[in-house]
Amino acid sequence: MPPVTTLRRSAVRTAAKIDAKTPATRDRALDGLRALALLSVPLGHWMLGGFDSPDGVLHNASPLGALPSMAPLSWVLQLLGVFFLVGGRASALSLRRAAGRGVRTGAWLRGRVLRLARPVLGVAAVWAALIPVLRALGVPAGTVRTGAVLMVQPLWYIAVYLVLTALTPLCVRFGARFRGRGAAVLMAAVALVDLLRYGPWGAAVPGWLGLLNLLPGWLFAYQLGVDWAHGRLTRAGAKLLAVGGAALFAVLLVVFHYPASMVGVPGAARTNSHPPSLLVLALASVQGGAAVLLKDRLGRALRRPLLWLPVVVVNLGAMTIFCWHQTAMFLTALAGSRLGALPGLTTAPDSAAWALARLAWLPVFGAVLALIGRWARRFDAPWPSRAWRAVAGAGAALFAVYALGAV
């Protein structure tokens, strides 16, 4: 029997088993949206980040500086609107189920925090041990610092998500108070701050004022998700979000000249993401509205076992993907740097040829991540002993000391 046929039959059997074990009450569409948002994180970092090594040291570089035409790619790969929308809905539903079982809010929150914190502490502890190993192998200190920066970059998502999760009970009350219009209040707050810092008075406004957008900016899509869970986001509201968000997005780009990229561009005077600008919320509106409108259709599609299988795999490895995808790219580039300048990997990201070559490296990054994940997923589960927790905590603390001086 040909190997391809054997693999297909094995996949069909596995998919059928997983499909049979999935509870009928499982919201497959929500899992599908979560998987899509999760996969966009490594794809975004792998396509919109790169390396340069003019002095034999790997440095982080971005193709967006030399290839501004790639900026629209960030509109597709920056799915934070979907990520926080799904997170808000899932957290609100989880909190409601916990309350129905008599679980206190504090205990519910503790469980959610531990599920997020364990993988983060694990990857930090491993990097604390990896740094001296790399240095002993002769890897330049600058290259090691580059790897540490890459590892830390995605963790701000986790920090933001932890804050939003802690605010879930307040979001529930906030949504009820404003009858499903709480997200509009948050958008108005971000618009006001943007007007102050980018409008006629911008020169007189202190730079720190933009930090006021941090909470309402990232809370916007999460609040939409909470309202969705409580039935306050209807299909009519989703259509308004999608159409209105698209119109606002176009106006901000064309009329008010917001930066086109949704991620930071080296050397750029303005950025949309740190802190979030109104353009981020406009894109989140489009993404959130589309997600709500497509949910039922997606749920029906995911009744097919072969489509449901990858969604389950991605969701089971969610935190591993999040925490380790940058490490996978770095280790691949580190190994490749020993072979010289490899297009799309260790060459400067400054041409269309680089972008095409980078596409060829994506399966390699994915394979390395899968290999790492087979071992690293142990950090997702509850740790077996206090000694294990103490070692991981100490390692994470050592890495934090290094990162604060290196990042």
Protein backbone atom coordinates (compact mmCIF):
# COMPACT_ATOMS: atom_id res chain seq x y z
CA MET A 1 0.00 0.00 0.00
CA PRO A 2 1.47 3.46 -0.92
CA PRO A 3 2.68 5.53 2.08
CA VAL A 4 0.32 8.40 1.20
CA THR A 5 -2.70 6.09 1.27
CA THR A 6 -1.59 4.63 4.60
CA LEU A 7 -1.20 8.09 6.13
CA ARG A 8 -4.58 9.17 4.87
CA ARG A 9 -6.31 6.11 6.32
CA SER A 10 -4.54 6.66 9.63
CA ALA A 11 -5.65 10.31 9.68
CA VAL A 12 -9.23 9.30 8.87
CA ARG A 13 -9.28 6.78 11.74
CA THR A 14 -7.76 9.28 14.20
CA ALA A 15 -10.17 11.99 13.12
CA ALA A 16 -13.12 9.63 13.52
CA LYS A 17 -12.04 8.68 17.07
CA ILE A 18 -11.60 12.31 18.13
CA ASP A 19 -14.89 13.29 16.53
CA ALA A 20 -16.67 10.50 18.42
CA LYS A 21 -15.18 11.60 21.73
CA THR A 22 -16.16 15.26 21.26
CA PRO A 23 -19.20 16.15 23.39
CA ALA A 24 -22.25 17.18 21.39
CA THR A 25 -22.37 20.40 23.42
CA ARG A 26 -18.86 21.42 22.35
CA ASP A 27 -18.82 24.76 20.51
CA ARG A 28 -16.70 23.72 17.55
CA ALA A 29 -16.95 27.08 15.86
CA LEU A 30 -15.43 28.82 18.87
CA ASP A 31 -12.56 26.32 18.89
CA GLY A 32 -12.11 26.87 15.15
CA LEU A 33 -11.92 30.64 15.55
CA ARG A 34 -9.45 30.22 18.41
CA ALA A 35 -7.27 27.91 16.33
CA LEU A 36 -7.29 30.39 13.45
CA ALA A 37 -6.26 33.25 15.73
CA LEU A 38 -3.56 31.12 17.36
CA LEU A 39 -2.01 30.09 14.05
CA SER A 40 -1.90 33.70 12.92
CA VAL A 41 0.57 34.49 15.72
CA PRO A 42 3.47 32.31 14.52
CA LEU A 43 2.69 32.99 10.87
CA GLY A 44 2.73 36.72 11.55
CA HIS A 45 6.01 36.60 13.44
CA TRP A 46 7.63 34.27 10.92
CA MET A 47 6.61 36.35 7.88
CA LEU A 48 6.97 39.85 9.34
CA GLY A 49 10.18 39.20 11.26
CA GLY A 50 13.59 38.17 10.08
CA PHE A 51 17.32 38.27 10.74
CA ASP A 52 20.35 40.11 9.50
CA SER A 53 23.95 39.19 10.30
CA PRO A 54 26.36 41.74 8.81
CA ASP A 55 28.88 41.22 11.61
CA GLY A 56 28.44 37.49 12.16
CA VAL A 57 25.85 38.11 14.86
CA LEU A 58 22.15 37.45 14.29
CA HIS A 59 20.10 40.63 14.69
CA ASN A 60 16.34 40.97 14.57
CA ALA A 61 15.11 42.69 11.42
CA SER A 62 11.76 43.36 9.79
CA PRO A 63 10.88 43.31 6.10
CA LEU A 64 8.35 46.09 6.67
CA GLY A 65 11.07 48.75 6.70
CA ALA A 66 12.27 47.93 3.17
CA LEU A 67 9.02 46.41 1.87
CA PRO A 68 6.12 48.65 2.95
CA SER A 69 3.96 46.82 0.40
CA MET A 70 3.88 43.91 2.88
CA ALA A 71 1.94 46.03 5.40
CA PRO A 72 -1.48 44.71 4.24
CA LEU A 73 -0.24 41.24 5.19
CA SER A 74 -0.36 42.42 8.80
CA TRP A 75 -4.09 43.09 8.41
CA VAL A 76 -4.62 39.39 7.76
CA LEU A 77 -2.06 38.01 10.20
CA GLN A 78 -2.91 40.37 13.08
CA LEU A 79 -6.01 38.53 14.32
CA LEU A 80 -6.04 39.97 17.82
CA GLY A 81 -9.62 41.04 17.25
CA VAL A 82 -10.65 37.40 16.86
CA PHE A 83 -8.28 36.25 19.61
CA PHE A 84 -9.69 38.59 22.27
CA LEU A 85 -13.29 38.25 21.02
CA VAL A 86 -13.15 34.47 21.45
CA GLY A 87 -11.30 34.86 24.74
CA GLY A 88 -13.97 37.20 26.11
CA ARG A 89 -16.80 34.89 25.08
CA ALA A 90 -15.08 31.78 26.44
CA SER A 91 -14.19 33.44 29.76
CA ALA A 92 -17.68 34.83 30.28
CA LEU A 93 -19.27 31.45 29.58
CA SER A 94 -16.74 29.70 31.82
CA LEU A 95 -17.37 32.15 34.65
CA ARG A 96 -21.12 31.64 34.35
CA ARG A 97 -20.75 27.85 34.44
CA ALA A 98 -18.43 28.11 37.45
CA ALA A 99 -20.92 30.29 39.30
CA GLY A 100 -23.64 27.74 38.53
CA ARG A 101 -21.51 25.08 40.23
CA GLY A 102 -20.96 27.29 43.26
CA VAL A 103 -17.30 28.06 42.43
CA ARG A 104 -16.20 31.45 43.71
CA THR A 105 -14.78 34.01 41.30
CA GLY A 106 -11.37 33.95 43.00
CA ALA A 107 -11.05 30.19 42.57
CA TRP A 108 -12.17 30.42 38.94
CA LEU A 109 -9.61 33.13 38.24
CA ARG A 110 -6.83 31.19 39.95
CA GLY A 111 -7.44 28.22 37.69
CA ARG A 112 -7.35 30.39 34.56
CA VAL A 113 -4.14 32.13 35.65
CA LEU A 114 -2.36 28.86 36.39
CA ARG A 115 -3.21 27.48 32.96
CA LEU A 116 -1.56 30.53 31.37
CA ALA A 117 1.34 30.94 33.79
CA ARG A 118 2.74 27.40 33.78
CA PRO A 119 3.85 27.37 30.12
CA VAL A 120 5.31 30.87 30.42
CA LEU A 121 7.37 29.94 33.47
CA GLY A 122 8.42 26.76 31.71
CA VAL A 123 9.78 28.44 28.58
CA ALA A 124 11.55 31.08 30.68
CA ALA A 125 13.18 28.40 32.85
CA VAL A 126 14.35 26.47 29.80
CA TRP A 127 15.86 29.62 28.32
CA ALA A 128 17.66 30.28 31.61
CA ALA A 129 19.39 26.93 31.14
CA LEU A 130 19.82 27.39 27.38
CA ILE A 131 21.69 30.69 27.58
CA PRO A 132 24.87 29.34 29.27
CA VAL A 133 24.79 26.30 26.98
CA LEU A 134 24.72 28.49 23.89
CA ARG A 135 27.53 30.67 25.20
CA ALA A 136 29.63 27.58 26.02
CA LEU A 137 29.11 26.41 22.43
CA GLY A 138 30.59 29.67 21.18
CA VAL A 139 27.40 31.45 20.15
CA PRO A 140 28.02 35.23 20.27
CA ALA A 141 26.42 37.10 23.14
CA GLY A 142 24.58 39.35 20.69
CA THR A 143 22.99 36.35 18.99
CA VAL A 144 21.87 34.96 22.34
CA ARG A 145 20.31 38.32 23.20
CA THR A 146 18.47 38.25 19.88
CA GLY A 147 16.98 34.88 20.77
CA ALA A 148 15.94 36.13 24.20
CA VAL A 149 14.21 39.15 22.68
CA LEU A 150 12.33 36.92 20.27
CA MET A 151 11.20 34.61 23.06
CA VAL A 152 9.91 37.50 25.15
CA GLN A 153 8.06 39.28 22.32
CA PRO A 154 4.89 37.12 22.26
CA LEU A 155 4.57 37.08 26.04
CA TRP A 156 2.99 40.52 26.14
CA TYR A 157 -0.13 38.85 24.70
CA ILE A 158 -0.23 36.62 27.75
CA ALA A 159 0.24 39.55 30.13
CA VAL A 160 -2.59 41.48 28.47
CA TYR A 161 -4.81 38.41 28.41
CA LEU A 162 -4.24 37.80 32.12
CA VAL A 163 -5.35 41.36 32.91
CA LEU A 164 -8.43 41.03 30.72
CA THR A 165 -9.30 37.67 32.28
CA ALA A 166 -9.10 39.21 35.75
CA LEU A 167 -11.50 41.94 34.58
CA THR A 168 -14.11 39.46 33.26
CA PRO A 169 -16.58 39.96 36.16
CA LEU A 170 -16.36 43.72 35.69
CA CYS A 171 -16.83 43.31 31.93
CA VAL A 172 -20.02 41.36 32.54
CA ARG A 173 -21.41 44.15 34.69
CA PHE A 174 -20.09 46.83 32.32
CA GLY A 175 -21.83 45.20 29.37
CA ALA A 176 -25.10 44.94 31.29
CA ARG A 177 -24.85 48.56 32.41
CA PHE A 178 -24.45 49.84 28.85
CA ARG A 179 -26.80 47.23 27.34
CA GLY A 180 -24.24 45.83 24.94
CA ARG A 181 -22.76 49.20 23.99
CA GLY A 182 -19.78 48.99 26.32
CA ALA A 183 -17.39 48.33 23.42
CA ALA A 184 -18.59 51.57 21.78
CA VAL A 185 -17.68 53.46 24.96
CA LEU A 186 -14.19 51.93 24.86
CA MET A 187 -13.77 52.87 21.19
CA ALA A 188 -14.83 56.45 21.97
CA ALA A 189 -12.17 56.62 24.71
CA VAL A 190 -9.46 55.46 22.28
CA ALA A 191 -10.68 57.92 19.64
CA LEU A 192 -10.42 60.78 22.13
CA VAL A 193 -6.85 59.90 23.08
CA ASP A 194 -5.89 59.58 19.41
CA LEU A 195 -7.43 62.97 18.70
CA LEU A 196 -5.35 64.52 21.45
CA ARG A 197 -2.05 62.92 20.45
CA TYR A 198 -2.43 63.12 16.66
CA GLY A 199 -4.72 66.14 16.26
CA PRO A 200 -4.00 69.88 16.21
CA TRP A 201 -2.74 69.81 19.79
CA GLY A 202 -0.43 66.84 19.32
CA ALA A 203 2.78 68.84 19.72
CA ALA A 204 1.70 70.04 23.16
CA VAL A 205 0.49 66.65 24.41
CA PRO A 206 2.93 64.59 26.52
CA GLY A 207 4.03 61.29 25.00
CA TRP A 208 2.77 59.23 27.92
CA LEU A 209 -0.83 60.15 27.08
CA GLY A 210 -0.93 57.33 24.53
CA LEU A 211 -0.62 54.84 27.38
CA LEU A 212 -4.21 55.67 28.29
CA ASN A 213 -5.20 53.59 25.24
CA LEU A 214 -3.70 50.40 26.64
CA LEU A 215 -6.69 49.23 28.66
CA PRO A 216 -9.62 50.35 26.48
CA GLY A 217 -7.71 49.44 23.31
CA TRP A 218 -7.10 45.81 24.20
CA LEU A 219 -10.34 45.47 26.18
CA PHE A 220 -12.49 46.44 23.17
CA ALA A 221 -12.68 43.05 21.42
CA TYR A 222 -12.71 41.18 24.74
CA GLN A 223 -15.76 43.20 25.82
CA LEU A 224 -17.43 42.33 22.52
CA GLY A 225 -16.83 38.67 23.35
CA VAL A 226 -18.34 39.04 26.81
CA ASP A 227 -21.41 40.74 25.34
CA TRP A 228 -21.63 38.00 22.69
CA ALA A 229 -21.68 35.36 25.43
CA HIS A 230 -24.58 37.13 27.13
CA GLY A 231 -26.62 37.50 23.95
CA ARG A 232 -26.03 41.23 23.59
CA LEU A 233 -24.15 40.98 20.28
CA THR A 234 -26.67 40.03 17.59
CA ARG A 235 -26.17 39.34 13.89
CA ALA A 236 -27.42 42.84 13.12
CA GLY A 237 -24.82 44.22 15.51
CA ALA A 238 -22.16 42.04 13.91
CA LYS A 239 -23.02 43.42 10.45
CA LEU A 240 -22.72 46.94 11.81
CA LEU A 241 -19.37 46.08 13.33
CA ALA A 242 -18.02 44.63 10.10
CA VAL A 243 -19.27 47.37 7.77
CA GLY A 244 -18.67 50.26 10.15
CA GLY A 245 -15.22 48.96 11.08
CA ALA A 246 -14.23 48.64 7.42
CA ALA A 247 -15.39 52.20 6.69
CA LEU A 248 -13.55 53.57 9.71
CA PHE A 249 -10.42 51.62 8.77
CA ALA A 250 -10.43 53.11 5.26
CA VAL A 251 -11.00 56.67 6.53
CA LEU A 252 -8.19 56.42 9.08
CA LEU A 253 -5.78 55.16 6.43
CA VAL A 254 -6.70 57.43 3.54
CA VAL A 255 -7.85 60.65 5.22
CA PHE A 256 -5.96 60.68 8.52
CA HIS A 257 -2.84 58.87 7.26
CA TYR A 258 -2.52 56.29 10.02
CA PRO A 259 0.44 53.91 9.50
CA ALA A 260 -0.62 51.01 7.29
CA SER A 261 1.15 48.31 9.28
CA MET A 262 -0.59 46.80 12.28
CA VAL A 263 2.77 45.91 13.83
CA GLY A 264 5.73 48.11 14.65
CA VAL A 265 8.08 49.12 11.85
CA PRO A 266 11.73 49.82 12.79
CA GLY A 267 12.47 53.54 12.56
CA ALA A 268 8.83 54.59 12.13
CA ALA A 269 7.69 57.63 14.09
CA ARG A 270 4.24 56.16 14.81
CA THR A 271 2.96 52.69 15.55
CA ASN A 272 -0.55 51.30 15.71
CA SER A 273 0.04 48.57 18.26
CA HIS A 274 2.09 49.94 21.15
CA PRO A 275 -0.16 51.39 22.49
CA PRO A 276 -3.16 50.44 20.32
CA SER A 277 -4.53 53.15 18.06
CA LEU A 278 -8.05 53.57 16.74
CA LEU A 279 -6.98 51.68 13.61
CA VAL A 280 -6.45 48.54 15.72
CA LEU A 281 -10.02 48.80 16.99
CA ALA A 282 -11.36 49.38 13.49
CA LEU A 283 -9.67 46.18 12.29
CA ALA A 284 -10.90 44.33 15.39
CA SER A 285 -14.44 45.46 14.53
CA VAL A 286 -14.17 43.97 11.05
CA GLN A 287 -12.68 40.74 12.36
CA GLY A 288 -15.15 40.45 15.24
CA GLY A 289 -18.18 41.15 13.09
CA ALA A 290 -17.05 38.63 10.48
CA ALA A 291 -16.39 36.00 13.16
CA VAL A 292 -19.88 36.33 14.62
CA LEU A 293 -21.51 36.23 11.18
CA LEU A 294 -19.54 33.17 10.07
CA LYS A 295 -19.79 31.24 13.34
CA ASP A 296 -22.73 29.01 12.43
CA ARG A 297 -21.34 28.18 9.00
CA LEU A 298 -17.95 27.38 10.52
CA GLY A 299 -19.56 25.18 13.15
CA ARG A 300 -21.31 23.13 10.48
CA ALA A 301 -18.09 22.74 8.49
CA LEU A 302 -16.23 21.51 11.57
CA ARG A 303 -18.70 18.63 11.94
CA ARG A 304 -16.49 16.93 9.35
CA PRO A 305 -13.95 14.84 11.29
CA LEU A 306 -10.99 15.63 9.01
CA LEU A 307 -11.56 19.37 9.44
CA TRP A 308 -12.15 19.02 13.17
CA LEU A 309 -8.91 17.08 13.76
CA PRO A 310 -6.44 19.96 13.13
CA VAL A 311 -8.58 22.32 15.19
CA VAL A 312 -8.33 19.95 18.16
CA VAL A 313 -4.57 19.55 17.70
CA VAL A 314 -3.98 23.30 17.56
CA ASN A 315 -6.14 24.00 20.61
CA LEU A 316 -4.45 21.26 22.64
CA GLY A 317 -1.07 22.80 21.84
CA ALA A 318 -2.17 26.42 22.11
CA MET A 319 0.25 27.57 24.79
CA THR A 320 3.11 25.54 23.33
CA ILE A 321 2.59 27.26 19.98
CA PHE A 322 2.38 30.64 21.67
CA CYS A 323 5.43 30.27 23.88
CA TRP A 324 7.80 28.36 21.62
CA HIS A 325 7.26 29.45 18.01
CA GLN A 326 9.86 32.21 18.19
CA THR A 327 12.36 29.80 19.73
CA ALA A 328 11.76 27.43 16.81
CA MET A 329 12.53 30.18 14.30
CA PHE A 330 15.61 31.30 16.23
CA LEU A 331 17.08 27.81 16.57
CA THR A 332 16.54 27.20 12.86
CA ALA A 333 18.30 30.46 12.00
CA LEU A 334 21.09 29.71 14.47
CA ALA A 335 21.73 26.34 12.85
CA GLY A 336 21.48 27.89 9.40
CA SER A 337 23.95 30.64 10.24
CA ARG A 338 26.65 27.97 10.50
CA LEU A 339 26.15 27.33 6.78
CA GLY A 340 26.50 30.95 5.71
CA ALA A 341 23.95 33.32 4.19
CA LEU A 342 20.73 31.41 3.51
CA PRO A 343 18.09 33.35 1.54
CA GLY A 344 14.96 33.96 3.56
CA LEU A 345 16.61 32.84 6.79
CA THR A 346 19.83 34.66 7.62
CA THR A 347 19.89 37.24 4.81
CA ALA A 348 18.53 40.75 5.28
CA PRO A 349 14.73 40.95 4.73
CA ASP A 350 14.94 43.69 2.12
CA SER A 351 13.53 42.28 -1.12
CA ALA A 352 10.63 40.39 -2.64
CA ALA A 353 13.02 37.49 -3.17
CA TRP A 354 13.48 37.31 0.60
CA ALA A 355 9.70 37.11 1.11
CA LEU A 356 9.39 34.27 -1.39
CA ALA A 357 12.31 32.42 0.18
CA ARG A 358 10.81 32.93 3.66
CA LEU A 359 7.65 31.13 2.51
CA ALA A 360 9.80 28.07 1.84
CA TRP A 361 11.13 28.18 5.41
CA LEU A 362 7.69 28.17 7.06
CA PRO A 363 7.32 24.35 6.94
CA VAL A 364 10.78 24.03 8.49
CA PHE A 365 9.84 26.36 11.34
CA GLY A 366 6.64 24.38 11.81
CA ALA A 367 8.50 21.07 11.92
CA VAL A 368 10.98 22.39 14.49
CA LEU A 369 8.10 23.74 16.57
CA ALA A 370 6.38 20.36 16.43
CA LEU A 371 9.56 18.65 17.66
CA ILE A 372 9.90 21.13 20.51
CA GLY A 373 6.22 20.75 21.33
CA ARG A 374 6.48 16.98 21.83
CA TRP A 375 8.72 17.73 24.81
CA ALA A 376 7.56 21.20 25.94
CA ARG A 377 3.85 20.37 26.27
CA ARG A 378 4.61 18.89 29.70
CA PHE A 379 4.70 22.49 30.97
CA ASP A 380 1.01 22.91 30.13
CA ALA A 381 -0.15 20.25 32.59
CA PRO A 382 -0.08 20.62 36.39
CA TRP A 383 3.48 20.21 37.62
CA PRO A 384 4.17 16.97 39.50
CA SER A 385 5.83 18.30 42.66
CA ARG A 386 6.84 21.34 44.68
CA ALA A 387 10.47 20.72 43.76
CA TRP A 388 9.54 20.92 40.07
CA ARG A 389 7.71 24.20 40.70
CA ALA A 390 10.64 25.60 42.69
CA VAL A 391 13.18 24.79 39.97
CA ALA A 392 10.98 26.23 37.23
CA GLY A 393 10.28 29.36 39.28
CA ALA A 394 13.97 29.89 40.03
CA GLY A 395 14.88 29.40 36.38
CA ALA A 396 12.21 31.86 35.25
CA ALA A 397 13.49 34.40 37.78
CA LEU A 398 17.06 34.01 36.48
CA PHE A 399 15.88 34.51 32.93
CA ALA A 400 13.93 37.63 33.99
CA VAL A 401 17.14 39.10 35.46
CA TYR A 402 18.94 38.39 32.18
CA ALA A 403 16.09 39.71 30.04
CA LEU A 404 15.82 42.97 31.96
CA GLY A 405 19.42 43.66 31.13
CA ALA A 406 19.45 42.22 27.62
CA VAL A 407 16.09 43.03 26.09
